[in-house]
Amino acid sequence: MSQTIDADLLELLASKICHDLISPIGAVNNGIELMEEMGPDGAPEAIELIAYSATQASAKLQAFRMAYGAGGADANIKPEDVYKTIEQIVGPDKKVTQAWDARGDFGSLREKEGFCKILICVLLLAIEALPKGGKLSVSNQSGAIIVRAEGVNMGPEKRQAALDAAAEQIRVAA
């Protein structure tokens, strides 16, 4: 079995991963600098910033491992795992919420190798389409898994078009 590797796609993927990790890792660094500058008085605030940022970096790494690593095609990964991972990314501020039942009806797709890998990739893209917050939903409509991102001032139409195209891949995988 021969596979072609698109170098441009790999560069974009690597850039995306770095971009998504730089913010929480940079915030950890900022928290350490704050502790150094303010001494013991700034420690509680700095520790809170560091803890939140480390949690975000860890959640994103877990999602990237599921989405882009070989482990994401593991048949043991269930939609419940995807839901929990996405829930960690949207975090305590709940700017983006999930409105779907991870134990719901996904038909035969639920057991298909790679289903959760595709699902988490689509949900990660959907989060990007909601910079001002919104709601993610996943549903089974006549055997097609539909992922929706609803929000005020959603990202550019290109993001929604990409989300629609990614959702189409889930339909094709059925």
Protein backbone atom coordinates (compact mmCIF):
# COMPACT_ATOMS: atom_id res chain seq x y z
CA MET A 1 0.00 0.00 0.00
CA SER A 2 1.54 3.24 -1.17
CA GLN A 3 0.73 6.62 0.31
CA THR A 4 1.60 10.04 -1.02
CA ILE A 5 2.64 12.62 1.54
CA ASP A 6 1.76 16.21 0.75
CA ALA A 7 4.55 18.37 2.21
CA ASP A 8 2.34 21.49 2.15
CA LEU A 9 -0.32 19.72 4.17
CA LEU A 10 2.27 18.53 6.69
CA GLU A 11 3.63 22.07 7.01
CA LEU A 12 0.14 23.44 7.62
CA LEU A 13 -0.57 20.77 10.21
CA ALA A 14 2.70 21.42 12.03
CA SER A 15 2.01 25.15 11.95
CA LYS A 16 -1.49 24.60 13.38
CA ILE A 17 -0.16 22.48 16.22
CA CYS A 18 2.54 25.03 17.07
CA HIS A 19 0.07 27.92 16.87
CA ASP A 20 -2.42 26.21 19.18
CA LEU A 21 0.25 25.34 21.74
CA ILE A 22 2.17 28.62 21.82
CA SER A 23 -0.58 30.50 23.66
CA PRO A 24 -0.90 28.24 26.73
CA ILE A 25 2.84 27.55 26.88
CA GLY A 26 3.58 31.28 26.58
CA ALA A 27 1.13 31.93 29.42
CA VAL A 28 3.00 29.44 31.62
CA ASN A 29 6.15 31.43 30.91
CA ASN A 30 4.31 34.68 31.73
CA GLY A 31 3.13 33.19 35.03
CA ILE A 32 6.69 32.30 35.98
CA GLU A 33 7.87 35.83 35.08
CA LEU A 34 5.04 37.28 37.18
CA MET A 35 6.15 35.20 40.17
CA GLU A 36 9.73 36.38 39.71
CA GLU A 37 8.71 40.04 39.49
CA MET A 38 6.09 40.15 42.24
CA GLY A 39 7.56 37.64 44.64
CA PRO A 40 5.29 35.92 47.14
CA ASP A 41 2.53 38.51 46.67
CA GLY A 42 2.01 37.51 43.04
CA ALA A 43 2.24 33.77 43.62
CA PRO A 44 -1.48 32.93 43.91
CA GLU A 45 -2.38 34.78 40.70
CA ALA A 46 0.64 33.40 38.88
CA ILE A 47 -0.04 29.83 40.01
CA GLU A 48 -3.64 30.14 38.82
CA LEU A 49 -2.43 31.34 35.40
CA ILE A 50 0.17 28.59 35.18
CA ALA A 51 -2.30 25.87 36.22
CA TYR A 52 -4.95 27.00 33.71
CA SER A 53 -2.41 27.29 30.90
CA ALA A 54 -0.80 23.93 31.64
CA THR A 55 -4.25 22.32 31.64
CA GLN A 56 -5.03 23.90 28.26
CA ALA A 57 -1.71 22.75 26.77
CA SER A 58 -2.28 19.24 28.08
CA ALA A 59 -5.85 19.12 26.73
CA LYS A 60 -4.73 20.31 23.30
CA LEU A 61 -1.90 17.79 23.19
CA GLN A 62 -4.35 15.02 24.10
CA ALA A 63 -6.70 16.16 21.32
CA PHE A 64 -3.87 16.40 18.80
CA ARG A 65 -2.71 12.91 19.72
CA MET A 66 -6.23 11.58 19.14
CA ALA A 67 -6.75 13.62 15.96
CA TYR A 68 -3.37 13.36 14.28
CA GLY A 69 -1.67 10.37 15.86
CA ALA A 70 -2.05 6.69 15.15
CA GLY A 71 -3.98 6.27 18.41
CA GLY A 72 -6.95 8.18 17.02
CA ALA A 73 -7.84 5.28 14.72
CA ASP A 74 -8.00 2.91 17.69
CA ALA A 75 -11.41 1.23 17.78
CA ASN A 76 -11.32 1.49 21.60
CA ILE A 77 -11.66 5.27 21.39
CA LYS A 78 -15.34 6.13 21.69
CA PRO A 79 -17.35 9.31 21.08
CA GLU A 80 -17.42 9.72 24.87
CA ASP A 81 -13.62 10.10 24.78
CA VAL A 82 -13.92 12.71 22.03
CA TYR A 83 -16.55 14.61 24.03
CA LYS A 84 -14.38 14.64 27.18
CA THR A 85 -11.32 15.77 25.25
CA ILE A 86 -13.19 18.60 23.53
CA GLU A 87 -14.76 19.58 26.86
CA GLN A 88 -11.26 20.03 28.32
CA ILE A 89 -10.28 22.29 25.42
CA VAL A 90 -13.31 24.56 25.60
CA GLY A 91 -12.43 24.79 29.28
CA PRO A 92 -14.08 26.35 32.25
CA ASP A 93 -15.03 29.60 30.51
CA LYS A 94 -17.55 27.65 28.40
CA LYS A 95 -17.44 30.21 25.62
CA VAL A 96 -18.03 27.21 23.37
CA THR A 97 -20.44 24.56 24.62
CA GLN A 98 -21.25 21.10 23.40
CA ALA A 99 -24.87 20.15 22.80
CA TRP A 100 -24.67 16.52 21.81
CA ASP A 101 -25.01 13.11 23.39
CA ALA A 102 -21.73 11.21 23.13
CA ARG A 103 -23.61 8.01 23.93
CA GLY A 104 -26.18 8.75 21.21
CA ASP A 105 -26.96 6.91 18.02
CA PHE A 106 -23.99 6.89 15.67
CA GLY A 107 -25.10 3.70 13.97
CA SER A 108 -22.39 1.42 12.62
CA LEU A 109 -19.97 4.37 12.41
CA ARG A 110 -19.48 4.25 16.19
CA GLU A 111 -17.45 1.05 15.84
CA LYS A 112 -15.67 1.97 12.61
CA GLU A 113 -11.90 2.37 12.83
CA GLY A 114 -10.99 6.04 12.48
CA PHE A 115 -14.50 7.41 13.13
CA CYS A 116 -13.46 9.20 16.33
CA LYS A 117 -10.30 10.47 14.64
CA ILE A 118 -12.40 12.18 11.97
CA LEU A 119 -14.95 13.36 14.54
CA ILE A 120 -12.38 15.08 16.74
CA CYS A 121 -10.73 16.70 13.71
CA VAL A 122 -14.09 18.13 12.62
CA LEU A 123 -14.86 19.35 16.15
CA LEU A 124 -11.44 21.02 16.45
CA LEU A 125 -12.14 22.82 13.19
CA ALA A 126 -15.61 23.75 14.43
CA ILE A 127 -14.12 25.36 17.55
CA GLU A 128 -11.97 27.53 15.27
CA ALA A 129 -15.13 28.69 13.50
CA LEU A 130 -16.49 30.02 16.81
CA PRO A 131 -14.01 32.70 17.94
CA LYS A 132 -16.70 34.56 19.90
CA GLY A 133 -18.26 31.41 21.31
CA GLY A 134 -21.17 29.25 20.36
CA LYS A 135 -22.49 25.74 20.38
CA LEU A 136 -21.22 22.49 18.86
CA SER A 137 -23.66 19.74 18.02
CA VAL A 138 -23.29 16.29 16.51
CA SER A 139 -26.25 14.29 15.28
CA ASN A 140 -27.12 11.28 13.18
CA GLN A 141 -29.48 12.17 10.36
CA SER A 142 -30.44 9.16 8.26
CA GLY A 143 -27.06 7.52 8.75
CA ALA A 144 -25.04 10.68 8.12
CA ILE A 145 -23.22 12.26 11.06
CA ILE A 146 -23.84 16.01 11.00
CA VAL A 147 -21.54 18.36 12.91
CA ARG A 148 -22.82 21.90 13.40
CA ALA A 149 -21.09 24.97 14.75
CA GLU A 150 -23.55 27.72 15.69
CA GLY A 151 -22.49 31.07 17.02
CA VAL A 152 -22.67 34.83 16.78
CA ASN A 153 -20.18 36.39 14.37
CA MET A 154 -18.86 33.04 13.25
CA GLY A 155 -15.50 32.92 11.54
CA PRO A 156 -15.11 33.56 7.84
CA GLU A 157 -17.31 31.65 5.41
CA LYS A 158 -14.26 29.64 4.39
CA ARG A 159 -14.17 28.09 7.85
CA GLN A 160 -17.82 27.08 7.61
CA ALA A 161 -17.22 25.69 4.12
CA ALA A 162 -14.29 23.68 5.49
CA LEU A 163 -16.46 22.44 8.34
CA ASP A 164 -19.15 21.38 5.84
CA ALA A 165 -16.53 19.60 3.71
CA ALA A 166 -15.13 17.81 6.76
CA ALA A 167 -18.61 16.73 7.79
CA GLU A 168 -19.06 15.38 4.27
CA GLN A 169 -16.01 13.17 4.87
CA ILE A 170 -17.80 11.59 7.81
CA ARG A 171 -20.76 10.86 5.53
CA VAL A 172 -18.41 9.32 2.94
CA ALA A 173 -16.76 7.17 5.61
CA ALA A 174 -20.12 5.55 6.45
